[in-house]
N, C-alpha and C. Protein backbone atom coordinates (compact mmCIF):
# COMPACT_ATOMS: atom_id res chain seq x y z
N UNK A 1 72.26 110.17 104.76
CA UNK A 1 73.18 109.34 105.00
C UNK A 1 73.77 109.68 103.49
N UNK A 2 75.27 109.86 103.46
CA UNK A 2 76.34 110.10 102.35
C UNK A 2 76.73 109.03 102.05
N UNK A 3 76.62 108.45 100.43
CA UNK A 3 77.05 107.13 100.00
C UNK A 3 78.20 107.35 99.36
N UNK A 4 79.40 106.79 99.59
CA UNK A 4 80.69 106.87 98.91
C UNK A 4 80.47 105.74 98.00
N UNK A 5 80.35 106.46 96.69
CA UNK A 5 80.18 105.74 95.51
C UNK A 5 81.49 105.06 95.16
N UNK A 6 82.58 105.88 95.24
CA UNK A 6 84.11 105.32 94.77
C UNK A 6 84.23 103.83 95.81
N UNK A 7 84.22 103.92 97.23
CA UNK A 7 84.16 102.81 97.99
C UNK A 7 83.36 101.75 97.94
N UNK A 8 81.99 101.93 97.41
CA UNK A 8 81.04 100.99 96.96
C UNK A 8 81.34 100.51 95.99
N UNK A 9 81.93 101.02 94.81
CA UNK A 9 82.66 100.44 93.69
C UNK A 9 83.85 99.31 94.11
N UNK A 10 84.80 99.99 95.18
CA UNK A 10 86.15 99.12 95.42
C UNK A 10 85.53 98.03 95.94
N UNK A 11 84.54 97.92 97.02
CA UNK A 11 84.03 96.70 97.66
C UNK A 11 83.46 95.76 96.74
N UNK A 12 82.50 96.04 95.92
CA UNK A 12 82.02 95.23 94.91
C UNK A 12 83.12 94.97 93.87
N UNK A 13 84.02 95.45 93.32
CA UNK A 13 85.04 95.12 92.77
C UNK A 13 85.69 93.91 93.40
N UNK A 14 86.27 94.13 94.61
CA UNK A 14 86.87 93.05 95.47
C UNK A 14 86.23 91.98 95.79
N UNK A 15 84.90 91.86 96.02
CA UNK A 15 84.03 90.52 95.90
C UNK A 15 84.16 90.16 94.60
N UNK A 16 83.87 90.90 93.37
CA UNK A 16 84.10 90.11 92.24
C UNK A 16 85.35 89.52 92.08
N UNK A 17 86.23 90.13 92.23
CA UNK A 17 87.73 89.74 91.99
C UNK A 17 87.92 88.26 92.82
N UNK A 18 87.60 88.45 94.08
CA UNK A 18 87.72 87.06 94.97
C UNK A 18 86.89 86.21 94.56
N UNK A 19 85.74 86.37 93.78
CA UNK A 19 84.71 85.26 93.32
C UNK A 19 85.10 84.69 92.38
N UNK A 20 85.67 85.75 91.12
CA UNK A 20 85.63 85.36 89.91
C UNK A 20 87.10 85.26 89.06
N UNK A 21 88.13 85.91 90.06
CA UNK A 21 89.62 86.21 89.96
C UNK A 21 89.57 87.42 88.74
N UNK A 22 90.63 87.84 88.69
CA UNK A 22 90.84 88.97 87.78
C UNK A 22 90.35 88.85 86.17
N UNK A 23 90.75 87.83 85.53
CA UNK A 23 90.28 87.71 84.11
C UNK A 23 88.63 87.70 83.88
N UNK A 24 88.11 86.99 84.75
CA UNK A 24 86.70 86.51 84.51
C UNK A 24 85.87 87.68 85.00
N UNK A 25 86.34 88.63 85.82
CA UNK A 25 85.59 89.97 86.55
C UNK A 25 85.36 90.70 85.28
N UNK A 26 84.25 91.30 84.90
CA UNK A 26 83.86 91.96 84.20
C UNK A 26 83.29 93.60 85.03
N UNK A 27 83.49 94.53 84.09
CA UNK A 27 82.87 95.84 84.75
C UNK A 27 81.39 95.75 84.87
N UNK A 28 80.64 95.02 84.11
CA UNK A 28 79.43 94.84 84.25
C UNK A 28 78.98 94.05 85.57
N UNK A 29 79.63 92.99 85.75
CA UNK A 29 79.53 92.30 87.15
C UNK A 29 79.85 93.38 88.15
N UNK A 30 80.94 94.09 88.36
CA UNK A 30 81.08 95.04 89.21
C UNK A 30 79.85 96.24 89.50
N UNK A 31 79.45 96.71 88.29
CA UNK A 31 78.44 97.72 88.53
C UNK A 31 77.07 97.10 88.91
N UNK A 32 76.63 95.79 88.50
CA UNK A 32 75.69 95.26 89.14
C UNK A 32 75.92 95.05 90.66
N UNK A 33 76.88 94.52 91.24
CA UNK A 33 77.06 94.34 92.63
C UNK A 33 77.23 95.37 93.26
N UNK A 34 77.62 96.34 92.64
CA UNK A 34 77.75 98.08 93.47
C UNK A 34 76.57 98.73 93.30
N UNK A 35 75.52 98.14 92.44
CA UNK A 35 74.37 98.84 92.09
C UNK A 35 74.53 100.34 91.71
N UNK A 36 75.66 100.48 90.82
CA UNK A 36 75.86 101.72 90.07
C UNK A 36 75.66 101.27 88.50
N UNK A 37 75.51 102.55 87.71
CA UNK A 37 75.72 102.12 86.42
C UNK A 37 77.12 102.13 86.06
N UNK A 38 77.53 101.39 84.80
CA UNK A 38 78.68 101.24 84.51
C UNK A 38 79.49 102.52 84.08
N UNK A 39 78.85 103.41 83.82
CA UNK A 39 79.41 104.69 83.59
C UNK A 39 79.94 105.39 85.13
N UNK A 40 79.22 105.03 86.09
CA UNK A 40 79.69 105.54 87.29
C UNK A 40 80.99 105.06 87.66
N UNK A 41 81.30 103.83 87.35
CA UNK A 41 82.52 103.23 87.49
C UNK A 41 83.64 103.96 87.01
N UNK A 42 83.59 104.27 85.68
CA UNK A 42 84.22 105.10 84.79
C UNK A 42 84.65 106.40 85.27
N UNK A 43 83.90 106.99 86.09
CA UNK A 43 84.30 108.23 86.60
C UNK A 43 85.16 108.34 87.73
N UNK A 44 85.39 106.95 88.20
CA UNK A 44 86.41 107.18 89.21
C UNK A 44 87.57 106.07 88.80
N UNK A 45 87.57 105.16 88.05
CA UNK A 45 88.51 104.45 87.24
C UNK A 45 88.42 104.29 85.81
N UNK A 46 89.48 104.69 85.36
CA UNK A 46 89.72 104.50 83.82
C UNK A 46 89.63 103.11 83.15
N UNK A 47 89.85 102.21 83.79
CA UNK A 47 89.54 100.93 83.46
C UNK A 47 89.65 99.68 84.39
N UNK A 48 89.56 98.54 84.15
CA UNK A 48 89.49 97.48 85.06
C UNK A 48 90.96 97.26 85.85
N UNK A 49 92.01 97.60 85.03
CA UNK A 49 93.24 97.47 85.99
C UNK A 49 93.53 98.25 86.93
N UNK A 50 92.93 99.84 86.42
CA UNK A 50 93.28 100.73 87.58
C UNK A 50 92.46 100.34 88.51
N UNK A 51 91.36 99.81 88.79
CA UNK A 51 90.33 99.58 89.59
C UNK A 51 91.19 98.25 90.42
N UNK A 52 91.62 97.26 89.81
CA UNK A 52 92.51 96.29 90.72
C UNK A 52 93.45 96.83 91.11
N UNK A 53 94.40 97.69 90.74
CA UNK A 53 95.47 98.39 91.19
C UNK A 53 95.11 99.00 92.67
N UNK A 54 94.04 99.67 92.55
CA UNK A 54 93.72 100.22 93.77
C UNK A 54 93.07 99.34 94.89
N UNK A 55 92.54 98.18 94.58
CA UNK A 55 92.19 97.22 95.28
C UNK A 55 93.45 96.52 95.88
N UNK A 56 94.37 96.38 95.27
CA UNK A 56 95.67 95.85 95.60
C UNK A 56 96.24 96.86 96.55
N UNK A 57 96.59 98.13 96.22
CA UNK A 57 97.03 99.04 97.15
C UNK A 57 96.42 99.08 98.65
N UNK A 58 94.91 98.86 98.54
CA UNK A 58 94.20 98.83 99.97
C UNK A 58 94.89 97.48 100.99
N UNK A 59 94.82 96.21 99.72
CA UNK A 59 95.13 94.96 100.52
C UNK A 59 96.60 95.11 101.26
N UNK A 60 97.45 95.92 100.37
CA UNK A 60 98.98 95.95 100.74
C UNK A 60 98.87 96.72 102.08
N UNK A 61 98.28 97.77 102.32
CA UNK A 61 97.92 98.68 103.47
C UNK A 61 97.40 97.89 104.50
N UNK A 62 96.29 97.21 104.25
CA UNK A 62 95.64 96.57 105.25
C UNK A 62 96.48 95.65 105.83
N UNK A 63 97.37 94.66 105.08
CA UNK A 63 98.32 93.83 105.43
C UNK A 63 99.63 94.16 105.99
N UNK A 64 100.04 95.56 106.01
CA UNK A 64 100.87 96.08 106.26
C UNK A 64 100.26 96.69 107.93
N UNK A 65 99.08 96.89 108.01
CA UNK A 65 98.76 97.25 109.36
C UNK A 65 98.84 95.90 110.34
N UNK A 66 98.37 94.66 109.72
CA UNK A 66 98.44 93.57 110.38
C UNK A 66 100.16 93.34 110.91
N UNK A 67 100.80 93.45 109.96
CA UNK A 67 102.28 92.98 110.34
C UNK A 67 102.66 94.11 111.51
N UNK A 68 102.40 95.31 111.27
CA UNK A 68 102.72 96.46 112.27
C UNK A 68 102.31 96.16 113.74
N UNK A 69 101.10 95.78 113.42
CA UNK A 69 100.50 95.15 114.77
C UNK A 69 100.86 93.98 115.63
N UNK A 70 101.78 93.36 114.92
CA UNK A 70 102.35 91.96 115.42
C UNK A 70 103.95 92.36 115.99
N UNK A 71 104.06 93.52 115.61
CA UNK A 71 105.38 93.79 116.28
C UNK A 71 105.45 94.10 117.72
N UNK A 72 106.29 93.67 118.44
CA UNK A 72 106.22 94.12 119.90
C UNK A 72 107.64 94.52 120.34
N UNK A 73 107.56 95.71 120.55
CA UNK A 73 109.19 96.32 120.89
C UNK A 73 109.70 95.48 122.15
N UNK A 74 109.05 94.78 122.91
CA UNK A 74 109.63 93.97 123.97
C UNK A 74 110.19 92.67 123.62
N UNK A 75 109.71 92.13 122.52
CA UNK A 75 110.15 90.92 121.99
C UNK A 75 111.50 91.08 121.17
N UNK A 76 112.08 89.81 121.02
CA UNK A 76 113.51 89.87 120.03
C UNK A 76 112.81 89.83 118.77
N UNK A 77 113.74 90.23 117.93
CA UNK A 77 113.87 90.45 116.40
C UNK A 77 113.27 89.07 115.97
N UNK A 78 113.56 87.72 116.15
CA UNK A 78 113.11 86.62 115.86
C UNK A 78 111.66 86.18 116.24
N UNK A 79 111.54 86.63 117.67
CA UNK A 79 109.93 86.59 117.89
C UNK A 79 108.98 87.54 117.04
N UNK A 80 109.50 88.46 116.94
CA UNK A 80 108.56 89.55 116.11
C UNK A 80 108.58 88.97 114.40
N UNK A 81 109.56 88.50 114.15
CA UNK A 81 109.38 88.15 112.83
C UNK A 81 108.76 86.76 112.93
N UNK A 82 108.67 86.21 113.60
CA UNK A 82 107.60 84.83 113.59
C UNK A 82 106.35 85.36 113.59
N UNK A 83 105.97 86.21 114.45
CA UNK A 83 104.77 86.64 114.90
C UNK A 83 104.14 87.44 113.24
N UNK A 84 105.03 88.26 112.77
CA UNK A 84 104.61 89.00 111.67
C UNK A 84 104.50 88.19 110.43
N UNK A 85 105.23 87.01 110.33
CA UNK A 85 105.06 86.28 108.99
C UNK A 85 103.79 85.37 109.34
N UNK A 86 103.71 84.79 110.56
CA UNK A 86 102.66 84.03 110.79
C UNK A 86 101.31 84.83 110.44
N UNK A 87 101.22 86.32 111.14
CA UNK A 87 100.22 86.61 111.06
C UNK A 87 99.82 87.38 109.55
N UNK A 88 100.80 87.47 108.86
CA UNK A 88 100.94 87.92 107.50
C UNK A 88 100.24 86.85 106.65
N UNK A 89 100.91 85.73 106.75
CA UNK A 89 100.30 84.51 105.80
C UNK A 89 99.09 83.84 106.38
N UNK A 90 98.81 84.06 107.67
CA UNK A 90 97.49 83.73 107.89
C UNK A 90 96.40 84.85 107.53
N UNK A 91 96.73 85.93 107.45
CA UNK A 91 95.90 87.06 106.57
C UNK A 91 95.82 86.62 105.31
N UNK A 92 96.82 86.38 104.58
CA UNK A 92 96.75 86.06 103.24
C UNK A 92 95.94 84.91 102.70
N UNK A 93 96.19 84.03 103.66
CA UNK A 93 95.57 82.45 103.64
C UNK A 93 93.97 82.91 103.54
N UNK A 94 93.51 83.39 104.66
CA UNK A 94 91.93 83.95 104.84
C UNK A 94 91.37 84.74 103.99
N UNK A 95 92.27 85.56 103.33
CA UNK A 95 91.75 86.64 102.66
C UNK A 95 91.25 86.00 101.05
N UNK A 96 90.21 85.89 100.79
CA UNK A 96 89.34 85.52 99.75
C UNK A 96 90.04 85.82 98.28
N UNK A 97 90.39 87.25 98.42
CA UNK A 97 91.04 87.56 97.18
C UNK A 97 92.50 87.09 96.88
N UNK A 98 93.34 87.25 97.80
CA UNK A 98 94.57 86.43 97.57
C UNK A 98 94.58 84.97 97.42
N UNK A 99 93.53 84.15 97.76
CA UNK A 99 93.51 82.86 97.46
C UNK A 99 92.86 82.66 95.88
N UNK A 100 91.90 83.54 95.57
CA UNK A 100 91.38 83.37 94.19
C UNK A 100 92.46 83.82 93.11
N UNK A 101 93.28 85.10 93.57
CA UNK A 101 94.40 85.35 92.58
C UNK A 101 95.47 84.37 92.77
N UNK A 102 95.88 83.78 93.62
CA UNK A 102 96.91 82.72 93.69
C UNK A 102 96.64 81.51 92.83
N UNK A 103 95.46 81.12 92.87
CA UNK A 103 94.61 80.02 92.16
C UNK A 103 94.94 80.71 90.77
N UNK A 104 94.51 81.73 90.36
CA UNK A 104 94.25 82.28 88.87
C UNK A 104 95.86 82.27 88.35
N UNK A 105 96.76 82.88 89.13
CA UNK A 105 98.21 82.90 88.63
C UNK A 105 98.65 81.22 88.33
N UNK A 106 98.46 80.32 89.48
CA UNK A 106 98.84 79.06 89.05
C UNK A 106 98.22 78.26 88.00
N UNK A 107 96.97 78.49 87.73
CA UNK A 107 96.03 77.85 86.63
C UNK A 107 96.20 78.59 85.23
N UNK A 108 96.32 79.73 85.14
CA UNK A 108 96.16 80.38 83.76
C UNK A 108 97.29 81.32 83.63
N UNK A 109 97.83 81.82 84.93
CA UNK A 109 99.07 82.84 84.71
C UNK A 109 98.69 84.16 83.98
N UNK A 110 97.60 84.74 84.66
CA UNK A 110 97.15 86.13 84.20
C UNK A 110 98.28 87.05 84.54
N UNK A 111 98.53 87.88 83.68
CA UNK A 111 99.75 88.62 83.89
C UNK A 111 99.19 90.10 84.98
N UNK A 112 98.11 90.55 84.86
CA UNK A 112 97.96 91.43 85.87
C UNK A 112 97.48 90.89 87.20
N UNK A 113 96.98 89.73 87.50
CA UNK A 113 97.16 89.18 88.57
C UNK A 113 98.41 88.76 89.08
N UNK A 114 99.20 88.18 88.49
CA UNK A 114 100.88 87.86 88.65
C UNK A 114 101.36 89.18 89.10
N UNK A 115 101.32 90.42 88.61
CA UNK A 115 101.67 91.66 88.94
C UNK A 115 101.25 92.18 90.23
N UNK A 116 99.92 91.80 90.36
CA UNK A 116 99.44 92.17 91.57
C UNK A 116 99.70 91.04 92.94
N UNK A 117 99.83 90.09 92.71
CA UNK A 117 100.61 89.06 93.81
C UNK A 117 101.94 89.56 94.05
N UNK A 118 102.68 89.76 92.91
CA UNK A 118 104.27 90.61 93.16
C UNK A 118 104.17 91.74 93.74
N UNK A 119 103.21 92.55 93.70
CA UNK A 119 103.39 93.65 94.61
C UNK A 119 103.05 93.60 96.01
N UNK A 120 102.29 92.46 96.23
CA UNK A 120 101.82 91.83 97.46
C UNK A 120 103.03 91.47 98.36
N UNK A 121 103.83 90.72 97.36
CA UNK A 121 105.01 89.82 98.03
C UNK A 121 106.09 90.97 98.15
N UNK A 122 106.10 91.84 97.26
CA UNK A 122 107.38 93.03 97.28
C UNK A 122 107.02 93.63 98.49
N UNK A 123 105.75 93.94 99.11
CA UNK A 123 105.58 94.73 100.17
C UNK A 123 105.75 93.80 101.45
N UNK A 124 105.51 92.65 101.49
CA UNK A 124 106.03 91.90 102.50
C UNK A 124 107.58 91.93 102.83
N UNK A 125 108.44 91.62 101.57
CA UNK A 125 109.47 91.59 101.45
C UNK A 125 110.22 92.97 102.19
N UNK A 126 109.69 93.92 101.79
CA UNK A 126 110.30 95.19 102.13
C UNK A 126 110.20 95.52 103.61
N UNK A 127 108.97 94.98 104.00
CA UNK A 127 108.76 95.09 105.49
C UNK A 127 109.75 94.38 106.32
N UNK A 128 109.90 93.08 105.94
CA UNK A 128 110.91 92.17 106.45
C UNK A 128 112.24 92.96 106.36
N UNK A 129 112.71 93.43 105.41
CA UNK A 129 114.00 94.00 105.05
C UNK A 129 114.36 94.88 105.81
N UNK A 130 113.19 95.68 106.25
CA UNK A 130 113.30 96.79 107.16
C UNK A 130 113.67 96.38 108.69
N UNK A 131 113.05 95.27 108.74
CA UNK A 131 113.21 94.87 110.12
C UNK A 131 114.43 94.00 110.44
N UNK A 132 115.06 93.40 109.39
CA UNK A 132 116.36 92.99 109.47
C UNK A 132 117.31 94.00 109.54
N UNK A 133 117.19 95.06 108.77
CA UNK A 133 118.19 96.08 108.85
C UNK A 133 118.09 96.73 110.30
N UNK A 134 116.80 96.81 111.04
CA UNK A 134 116.90 97.22 112.34
C UNK A 134 117.63 96.39 113.19
N UNK A 135 117.64 95.15 113.02
CA UNK A 135 118.03 94.00 113.92
C UNK A 135 119.55 94.04 113.93
N UNK A 136 120.00 94.31 112.49
CA UNK A 136 121.28 94.48 112.24
C UNK A 136 121.91 95.76 112.99
N UNK A 137 121.21 97.06 112.71
CA UNK A 137 121.88 97.97 113.67
C UNK A 137 121.73 97.78 115.07
N UNK A 138 120.81 97.11 115.77
CA UNK A 138 120.87 96.99 117.02
C UNK A 138 121.64 95.84 117.72
N UNK A 139 122.34 95.18 116.60
CA UNK A 139 123.16 93.93 116.96
C UNK A 139 122.63 92.68 117.36
N UNK A 140 121.27 92.66 117.07
CA UNK A 140 120.63 91.41 117.33
C UNK A 140 120.70 90.19 116.28
N UNK A 141 121.33 90.69 115.14
CA UNK A 141 121.74 89.69 114.36
C UNK A 141 123.29 90.08 113.61
N UNK A 142 123.95 89.12 112.84
CA UNK A 142 125.02 89.39 112.35
C UNK A 142 124.78 90.38 111.15
N UNK A 143 125.94 91.01 110.45
CA UNK A 143 125.68 91.84 109.51
C UNK A 143 125.62 91.02 108.24
N UNK A 144 124.48 91.15 107.53
CA UNK A 144 124.19 90.57 106.32
C UNK A 144 123.34 91.31 105.33
N UNK A 145 123.21 90.77 103.92
CA UNK A 145 122.43 91.42 102.90
C UNK A 145 120.78 91.52 103.44
N UNK A 146 120.51 92.45 103.98
CA UNK A 146 119.00 92.65 104.40
C UNK A 146 117.95 91.95 103.18
N UNK A 147 118.20 92.37 102.22
CA UNK A 147 117.16 91.97 100.92
C UNK A 147 117.30 90.63 101.02
N UNK A 148 118.72 89.74 100.61
CA UNK A 148 118.79 88.51 100.34
C UNK A 148 118.00 87.57 101.90
N UNK A 149 118.31 88.38 103.07
CA UNK A 149 117.82 87.48 104.25
C UNK A 149 116.33 87.63 104.14
N UNK A 150 115.68 88.90 103.93
CA UNK A 150 114.18 89.03 104.04
C UNK A 150 113.65 87.84 102.95
N UNK A 151 114.58 87.76 101.99
CA UNK A 151 113.74 86.68 100.72
C UNK A 151 113.80 85.37 101.30
N UNK A 152 114.88 84.89 101.69
CA UNK A 152 115.19 83.64 102.63
C UNK A 152 114.15 83.44 103.58
N UNK A 153 114.01 84.16 104.44
CA UNK A 153 113.10 84.20 105.70
C UNK A 153 111.79 84.18 105.25
N UNK A 154 111.08 84.81 104.04
CA UNK A 154 110.04 84.51 103.64
C UNK A 154 109.58 83.45 103.02
N UNK A 155 110.58 82.94 102.17
CA UNK A 155 110.46 81.62 101.39
C UNK A 155 110.56 80.39 102.29
N UNK A 156 111.46 80.54 103.32
CA UNK A 156 111.34 79.43 104.32
C UNK A 156 110.09 79.39 104.88
N UNK A 157 109.45 80.39 105.34
CA UNK A 157 108.56 80.53 106.07
C UNK A 157 106.92 79.97 105.13
N UNK A 158 107.31 80.41 103.77
CA UNK A 158 105.98 79.77 103.08
C UNK A 158 106.39 78.40 102.73
N UNK A 159 107.39 77.93 102.59
CA UNK A 159 107.78 76.33 102.55
C UNK A 159 107.45 75.66 103.76
N UNK A 160 107.50 76.26 104.98
CA UNK A 160 106.97 75.60 106.10
C UNK A 160 105.21 75.49 106.27
N UNK A 161 104.88 76.84 105.98
CA UNK A 161 103.49 76.94 106.14
C UNK A 161 102.29 76.34 104.98
N UNK A 162 103.20 76.35 103.76
CA UNK A 162 102.23 76.07 102.61
C UNK A 162 102.61 75.09 101.94
N UNK A 163 103.71 75.15 101.49
CA UNK A 163 104.51 74.03 100.86
C UNK A 163 104.54 72.60 101.46
N UNK A 164 104.89 72.43 102.66
CA UNK A 164 104.96 71.24 103.37
C UNK A 164 103.42 70.58 103.42
N UNK A 165 102.49 71.41 103.81
CA UNK A 165 101.17 70.56 104.07
C UNK A 165 100.71 70.15 102.68
N UNK A 166 101.13 70.48 101.44
CA UNK A 166 100.61 69.65 100.38
C UNK A 166 100.76 68.06 100.27
N UNK A 167 101.75 67.70 101.02
CA UNK A 167 102.06 66.33 101.27
C UNK A 167 101.93 65.80 102.67
N UNK A 168 101.91 66.66 103.57
CA UNK A 168 102.22 66.11 105.03
C UNK A 168 101.11 66.86 105.71
N UNK A 169 100.91 66.37 107.03
CA UNK A 169 100.06 67.18 107.95
C UNK A 169 100.52 68.39 108.46
N UNK A 170 99.66 69.43 108.67
CA UNK A 170 100.25 70.83 108.50
C UNK A 170 100.91 71.04 109.95
N UNK A 171 101.93 71.97 110.11
CA UNK A 171 102.71 72.34 110.98
C UNK A 171 101.86 73.33 111.77
N UNK A 172 101.89 73.20 113.32
CA UNK A 172 101.27 74.18 114.09
C UNK A 172 102.35 75.35 114.26
N UNK A 173 101.68 76.39 114.77
CA UNK A 173 102.30 77.46 114.97
C UNK A 173 104.05 77.13 115.75
N UNK A 174 103.81 76.48 116.70
CA UNK A 174 104.93 76.16 117.55
C UNK A 174 105.96 75.47 116.66
N UNK A 175 105.56 74.43 116.24
CA UNK A 175 106.49 73.67 115.19
C UNK A 175 107.14 74.43 114.18
N UNK A 176 106.33 75.40 113.83
CA UNK A 176 106.95 76.42 112.56
C UNK A 176 107.85 77.45 113.28
N UNK A 177 107.57 77.97 114.34
CA UNK A 177 108.52 78.71 115.26
C UNK A 177 109.79 77.83 115.51
N UNK A 178 109.65 76.78 115.90
CA UNK A 178 110.87 75.92 116.32
C UNK A 178 112.09 75.68 115.19
N UNK A 179 111.17 75.30 113.97
CA UNK A 179 111.86 75.03 112.90
C UNK A 179 112.57 76.41 112.41
N UNK A 180 111.92 77.39 112.32
CA UNK A 180 112.48 78.54 111.83
C UNK A 180 113.59 78.92 112.74
N UNK A 181 113.69 78.83 114.03
CA UNK A 181 114.64 79.01 114.98
C UNK A 181 115.77 78.22 114.87
N UNK A 182 115.65 77.06 114.54
CA UNK A 182 116.69 75.89 114.24
C UNK A 182 117.43 76.33 113.00
N UNK A 183 116.89 76.65 111.89
CA UNK A 183 117.49 77.18 110.45
C UNK A 183 118.10 78.29 110.61
N UNK A 184 117.30 79.06 111.02
CA UNK A 184 118.00 80.56 110.89
C UNK A 184 118.57 81.33 112.39
N UNK A 185 118.49 80.53 113.40
CA UNK A 185 119.22 81.09 114.69
C UNK A 185 120.07 80.17 115.06
N UNK A 186 119.86 79.04 115.33
CA UNK A 186 120.67 77.96 115.86
C UNK A 186 121.61 77.48 114.73
N UNK A 187 121.01 77.11 113.69
CA UNK A 187 121.90 76.44 112.56
C UNK A 187 121.72 74.76 112.79
N UNK A 188 122.35 74.13 111.78
CA UNK A 188 122.17 72.76 111.86
C UNK A 188 123.51 72.10 112.21
N UNK A 189 124.61 72.91 112.45
CA UNK A 189 125.69 72.33 112.91
C UNK A 189 125.92 71.93 114.29
N UNK A 190 126.71 70.93 114.52
CA UNK A 190 126.51 70.51 115.98
C UNK A 190 127.38 71.39 117.06
């Protein structure tokens, strides 16, 4: 059986970053968990930041797969968007690495962790922006700025899923869908 040392290191580092955060993770911890010498890590990655960047790239690809699987060409733009956002945020909420990095960013503002979380958010926004543009092209939604619209949609969704439950009982998937439709599809005007 051939052992993929590079993947072994990535897996171990992902667990370390999820347990300790970016700042508190050391290459010694990664080496110990990966069961390799510290020098072996440096044959694949020049430093901790490069290793972390690889992990974030892998996480973004994994999240993109989750989003693409949520899209059904037989559903409307808004139904697909709801499924994509819900599955993406659910993925992010359950993924230990994103939880730890979010905590680290809030608690101590580690620059590398902030940059990693920004890359993740930018990837989500890019995906939504592409979907918005396709919906505009198909005539499913009014002509608008896809970049701004993607931003507003994501922030509204985050507010309904995360921010609301900080001081209120969590909303279920149907409630979130109804509110999302009310604010973005129907509007509040009578």
